[in-house]
Amino acid sequence: MSPEIVQDLEHLCDARLPVEYIHLLKSYPSILATACRADSGDYSEGFVSEVELFSSPTDVLEINREVRAVSILDPEGQEFRWPDQLLVIGETGDGDYYCVDLDGEHAGVLQFRHHAVEFETLADSLGEFVDMLTESFVTGDASDDDFDDPESEETE
């Protein structure tokens, strides 16, 4: 990851990027880089590295600029602006985002649910998140994953 992108992301988030995340981007799991998102093996839906967990630092910077450029209304009609300390690291493809809290208030990986305008803890660490993606998109055992299930347990 270039020092310029790191600096831009840290400026956007007003916090330092976690060493664990920088290491993940530098040593992106090759199994996820080539993992297809479609159950059928059809590459028209792209790769995990293009959506769920961005492998490109440029994509990470772009999506983080995007979420901070607009506000949305929550279900009560209140304006919601993306919190500075949350770094988007991927998305679901359905409008929800995966992010990490650079302030450390919430450990692991959070999922932002755009319809409900809420966050929930999805994985206790980046490593666990990578394992979840691998299980879901590489081994094909999506029956146990709940990271895209709206009925999954919410975290306070």
Protein backbone atom coordinates (compact mmCIF):
# COMPACT_ATOMS: atom_id res chain seq x y z
CA MET A 1 0.00 0.00 0.00
CA SER A 2 1.46 3.31 -1.01
CA PRO A 3 2.30 5.84 1.71
CA GLU A 4 0.06 8.36 -0.08
CA ILE A 5 -3.00 6.11 0.14
CA VAL A 6 -2.28 5.32 3.78
CA GLN A 7 -1.98 9.04 4.50
CA ASP A 8 -5.21 9.83 2.61
CA LEU A 9 -7.12 7.11 4.47
CA GLU A 10 -5.75 8.19 7.83
CA HIS A 11 -6.74 11.76 7.05
CA LEU A 12 -10.29 10.70 6.07
CA CYS A 13 -10.66 8.59 9.21
CA ASP A 14 -8.72 10.93 11.49
CA ALA A 15 -6.90 7.89 12.87
CA ARG A 16 -4.03 5.53 12.09
CA LEU A 17 -4.73 2.41 10.06
CA PRO A 18 -4.28 -0.82 12.01
CA VAL A 19 -1.04 -2.63 11.23
CA GLU A 20 -3.06 -5.85 10.91
CA TYR A 21 -5.15 -4.30 8.10
CA ILE A 22 -2.13 -2.92 6.22
CA HIS A 23 -0.52 -6.36 6.47
CA LEU A 24 -3.72 -7.99 5.16
CA LEU A 25 -3.69 -5.75 2.08
CA LYS A 26 0.01 -6.36 1.48
CA SER A 27 -0.45 -10.12 1.85
CA TYR A 28 -3.97 -10.45 0.48
CA PRO A 29 -5.05 -14.12 0.61
CA SER A 30 -4.64 -15.50 -2.90
CA ILE A 31 -7.57 -17.85 -2.34
CA LEU A 32 -9.88 -14.82 -1.95
CA ALA A 33 -8.27 -12.90 -4.81
CA THR A 34 -9.51 -15.55 -7.23
CA ALA A 35 -12.70 -16.61 -5.42
CA CYS A 36 -15.82 -16.08 -7.48
CA ARG A 37 -18.82 -14.48 -5.77
CA ALA A 38 -21.44 -16.56 -7.64
CA ASP A 39 -22.40 -20.00 -6.37
CA SER A 40 -22.52 -21.20 -9.96
CA GLY A 41 -18.90 -20.27 -10.61
CA ASP A 42 -20.03 -17.58 -13.06
CA TYR A 43 -17.53 -14.73 -12.92
CA SER A 44 -20.11 -12.12 -13.99
CA GLU A 45 -20.70 -11.28 -10.32
CA GLY A 46 -16.99 -10.59 -9.86
CA PHE A 47 -14.52 -11.71 -7.25
CA VAL A 48 -14.52 -11.51 -3.46
CA SER A 49 -11.47 -9.22 -3.74
CA GLU A 50 -13.55 -6.70 -5.71
CA VAL A 51 -16.49 -6.53 -3.31
CA GLU A 52 -16.55 -8.22 0.11
CA LEU A 53 -12.94 -7.50 1.05
CA PHE A 54 -11.24 -5.07 -1.28
CA SER A 55 -7.74 -6.11 -2.29
CA SER A 56 -6.99 -2.79 -3.98
CA PRO A 57 -5.98 0.09 -1.70
CA THR A 58 -7.29 2.45 -4.39
CA ASP A 59 -10.74 0.85 -4.10
CA VAL A 60 -10.59 1.21 -0.30
CA LEU A 61 -9.78 4.90 -0.64
CA GLU A 62 -12.51 5.45 -3.25
CA ILE A 63 -15.28 3.78 -1.21
CA ASN A 64 -14.25 5.67 1.93
CA ARG A 65 -14.44 8.97 0.06
CA GLU A 66 -17.83 7.93 -1.33
CA VAL A 67 -19.47 7.12 2.01
CA ARG A 68 -18.27 10.38 3.51
CA ALA A 69 -19.52 12.51 0.60
CA VAL A 70 -23.21 11.94 1.25
CA SER A 71 -25.68 11.66 4.08
CA ILE A 72 -28.68 9.37 4.27
CA LEU A 73 -31.85 9.36 6.33
CA ASP A 74 -32.32 6.77 9.03
CA PRO A 75 -35.71 5.08 9.53
CA GLU A 76 -36.79 7.94 11.83
CA GLY A 77 -35.92 10.54 9.19
CA GLN A 78 -32.76 11.76 10.92
CA GLU A 79 -29.68 12.59 8.88
CA PHE A 80 -26.88 10.03 9.16
CA ARG A 81 -23.30 10.82 8.14
CA TRP A 82 -20.60 8.19 8.00
CA PRO A 83 -18.54 8.20 11.23
CA ASP A 84 -14.94 9.33 10.60
CA GLN A 85 -13.36 6.51 12.61
CA LEU A 86 -14.98 3.72 10.58
CA LEU A 87 -12.90 2.46 7.68
CA VAL A 88 -14.87 0.67 4.96
CA ILE A 89 -12.97 -2.46 3.87
CA GLY A 90 -15.61 -4.06 1.65
CA GLU A 91 -19.28 -4.30 0.86
CA THR A 92 -21.99 -6.89 0.41
CA GLY A 93 -22.95 -5.91 -3.10
CA ASP A 94 -26.42 -5.02 -1.79
CA GLY A 95 -25.61 -1.61 -0.30
CA ASP A 96 -24.24 -2.74 3.06
CA TYR A 97 -20.63 -2.15 4.06
CA TYR A 98 -17.99 -4.01 6.05
CA CYS A 99 -15.81 -1.77 8.18
CA VAL A 100 -13.37 -1.60 11.08
CA ASP A 101 -13.41 0.92 13.91
CA LEU A 102 -10.04 2.68 13.97
CA ASP A 103 -10.73 4.11 17.44
CA GLY A 104 -10.96 0.58 18.80
CA GLU A 105 -14.33 1.17 20.46
CA HIS A 106 -15.70 -1.84 18.54
CA ALA A 107 -13.28 -4.69 17.89
CA GLY A 108 -13.32 -6.80 14.77
CA VAL A 109 -15.34 -6.22 11.63
CA LEU A 110 -18.67 -4.43 11.66
CA GLN A 111 -21.41 -4.62 9.07
CA PHE A 112 -23.35 -1.46 8.27
CA ARG A 113 -26.92 -2.27 7.29
CA HIS A 114 -28.05 0.60 5.09
CA HIS A 115 -31.82 0.01 5.34
CA ALA A 116 -31.82 -0.02 9.13
CA VAL A 117 -28.91 2.48 9.30
CA GLU A 118 -27.20 0.45 12.01
CA PHE A 119 -23.97 -1.38 12.69
CA GLU A 120 -23.48 -4.84 14.09
CA THR A 121 -20.39 -6.86 14.91
CA LEU A 122 -19.86 -9.50 12.25
CA ALA A 123 -16.48 -10.95 13.19
CA ASP A 124 -14.26 -10.55 16.23
CA SER A 125 -11.16 -9.92 14.10
CA LEU A 126 -9.99 -9.40 10.54
CA GLY A 127 -8.68 -12.97 10.57
CA GLU A 128 -12.10 -14.30 11.52
CA PHE A 129 -13.66 -12.19 8.75
CA VAL A 130 -11.22 -13.66 6.20
CA ASP A 131 -12.10 -17.13 7.49
CA MET A 132 -15.82 -16.38 7.09
CA LEU A 133 -15.31 -15.21 3.51
CA THR A 134 -13.17 -18.24 2.72
CA GLU A 135 -15.76 -20.60 4.16
CA SER A 136 -18.57 -18.91 2.29
CA PHE A 137 -16.97 -18.33 -1.11
CA VAL A 138 -14.23 -20.95 -1.36
CA THR A 139 -15.43 -24.01 0.49
CA GLY A 140 -19.02 -23.26 -0.47
CA ASP A 141 -20.48 -23.85 2.97
CA ALA A 142 -22.70 -20.79 3.14
CA SER A 143 -25.21 -22.60 5.38
CA ASP A 144 -23.28 -21.69 8.51
CA ASP A 145 -22.46 -18.09 7.67
CA ASP A 146 -24.71 -15.39 9.00
CA PHE A 147 -22.77 -12.34 7.94
CA ASP A 148 -25.32 -11.48 5.27
CA ASP A 149 -28.37 -12.69 7.20
CA PRO A 150 -30.63 -9.84 8.33
CA GLU A 151 -31.92 -12.05 11.14
CA SER A 152 -28.47 -12.53 12.70
CA GLU A 153 -27.94 -11.40 16.25
CA GLU A 154 -27.24 -7.69 16.67
CA THR A 155 -24.48 -6.30 18.85
CA GLU A 156 -24.95 -3.32 21.09
